[in-house]
């Protein structure tokens, strides 16, 4: 099942499970990794010609990736409680 099918299933009232969330998280993580790789191959320039927008995008991708990594680790660490409805913050 791809991301579009997942969204369609959720919209049609089908159950969206913790496993679905983890799977979508890993798909998003892959997207962020590919984006970071593309950014690393781009010319940023230097000095007055430096493309600061690329720096900003790179920083945002890094923050998103780090946050997602922590989120996925937390979900996986609490998997049993989440599927049993007993998760704590």
Protein backbone atom coordinates (compact mmCIF):
# COMPACT_ATOMS: atom_id res chain seq x y z
CA UNK A 1 0.00 0.00 0.00
CA UNK A 2 1.40 3.42 -0.90
CA UNK A 3 0.98 6.74 0.94
CA UNK A 4 -1.97 7.78 -1.24
CA UNK A 5 -3.76 4.50 -0.55
CA UNK A 6 -3.09 4.98 3.18
CA UNK A 7 -4.69 8.43 3.07
CA UNK A 8 -7.62 7.09 1.08
CA UNK A 9 -8.14 4.24 3.54
CA UNK A 10 -8.17 6.64 6.49
CA UNK A 11 -10.62 8.92 4.68
CA UNK A 12 -12.95 5.98 4.01
CA UNK A 13 -13.14 5.16 7.71
CA UNK A 14 -10.75 2.23 7.75
CA UNK A 15 -8.58 1.85 10.81
CA UNK A 16 -5.26 3.70 10.72
CA UNK A 17 -3.03 1.74 13.06
CA UNK A 18 0.17 2.37 14.98
CA UNK A 19 1.89 0.21 12.37
CA UNK A 20 0.55 2.52 9.65
CA UNK A 21 1.94 5.52 11.51
CA UNK A 22 5.35 3.86 11.84
CA UNK A 23 5.33 2.91 8.16
CA UNK A 24 4.39 6.44 7.08
CA UNK A 25 7.08 7.80 9.39
CA UNK A 26 9.72 5.69 7.68
CA UNK A 27 8.46 6.78 4.25
CA UNK A 28 8.74 10.41 5.36
CA UNK A 29 12.20 9.71 6.78
CA UNK A 30 13.27 8.33 3.39
CA UNK A 31 11.90 11.44 1.67
CA UNK A 32 13.87 13.67 4.05
CA UNK A 33 17.05 11.62 3.49
CA UNK A 34 16.72 11.96 -0.29
CA UNK A 35 16.05 15.68 0.06
CA UNK A 36 19.13 16.09 2.28
CA UNK A 37 21.21 14.18 -0.28
CA UNK A 38 20.01 16.43 -3.10
CA UNK A 39 20.74 19.52 -1.01
CA UNK A 40 24.26 18.30 -0.24
CA UNK A 41 25.01 18.08 -3.96
CA UNK A 42 23.89 21.65 -4.69
CA UNK A 43 26.18 24.64 -5.04
CA UNK A 44 25.59 27.02 -2.15
CA UNK A 45 28.15 29.58 -3.27
CA UNK A 46 30.22 31.58 -0.81
CA UNK A 47 30.58 35.06 0.58
CA UNK A 48 28.16 37.60 -0.88
CA UNK A 49 26.95 35.11 -3.50
CA UNK A 50 26.05 32.45 -0.90
CA UNK A 51 22.53 31.11 -1.37
CA UNK A 52 21.23 31.53 2.18
CA UNK A 53 17.86 30.08 1.16
CA UNK A 54 19.56 26.74 0.56
CA UNK A 55 21.13 27.00 4.02
CA UNK A 56 17.69 27.59 5.51
CA UNK A 57 16.08 24.71 3.63
CA UNK A 58 18.95 22.43 4.65
CA UNK A 59 18.51 23.44 8.30
CA UNK A 60 14.75 22.79 8.15
CA UNK A 61 15.25 19.37 6.56
CA UNK A 62 17.80 18.50 9.26
CA UNK A 63 15.44 19.62 12.05
CA UNK A 64 12.54 17.67 10.53
CA UNK A 65 14.67 14.55 10.12
CA UNK A 66 16.00 14.71 13.69
CA UNK A 67 12.51 15.29 15.09
CA UNK A 68 11.07 12.41 13.09
CA UNK A 69 13.87 10.10 14.22
CA UNK A 70 13.10 10.91 17.87
CA UNK A 71 9.35 10.47 17.27
CA UNK A 72 9.79 7.08 15.61
CA UNK A 73 12.11 5.91 18.40
CA UNK A 74 9.53 6.96 20.98
CA UNK A 75 6.68 5.24 19.14
CA UNK A 76 8.70 2.04 18.78
CA UNK A 77 9.81 2.16 22.45
CA UNK A 78 6.17 2.46 23.52
CA UNK A 79 4.70 0.19 20.85
CA UNK A 80 3.10 -2.29 23.24
CA UNK A 81 1.42 0.42 25.27
CA UNK A 82 0.27 2.26 22.14
CA UNK A 83 -1.43 -0.76 20.60
CA UNK A 84 -3.06 -1.52 23.94
CA UNK A 85 -4.18 2.08 24.46
CA UNK A 86 -2.04 2.69 27.54
CA UNK A 87 0.62 5.09 26.23
CA UNK A 88 1.87 7.88 28.45
CA UNK A 89 3.48 11.15 27.38
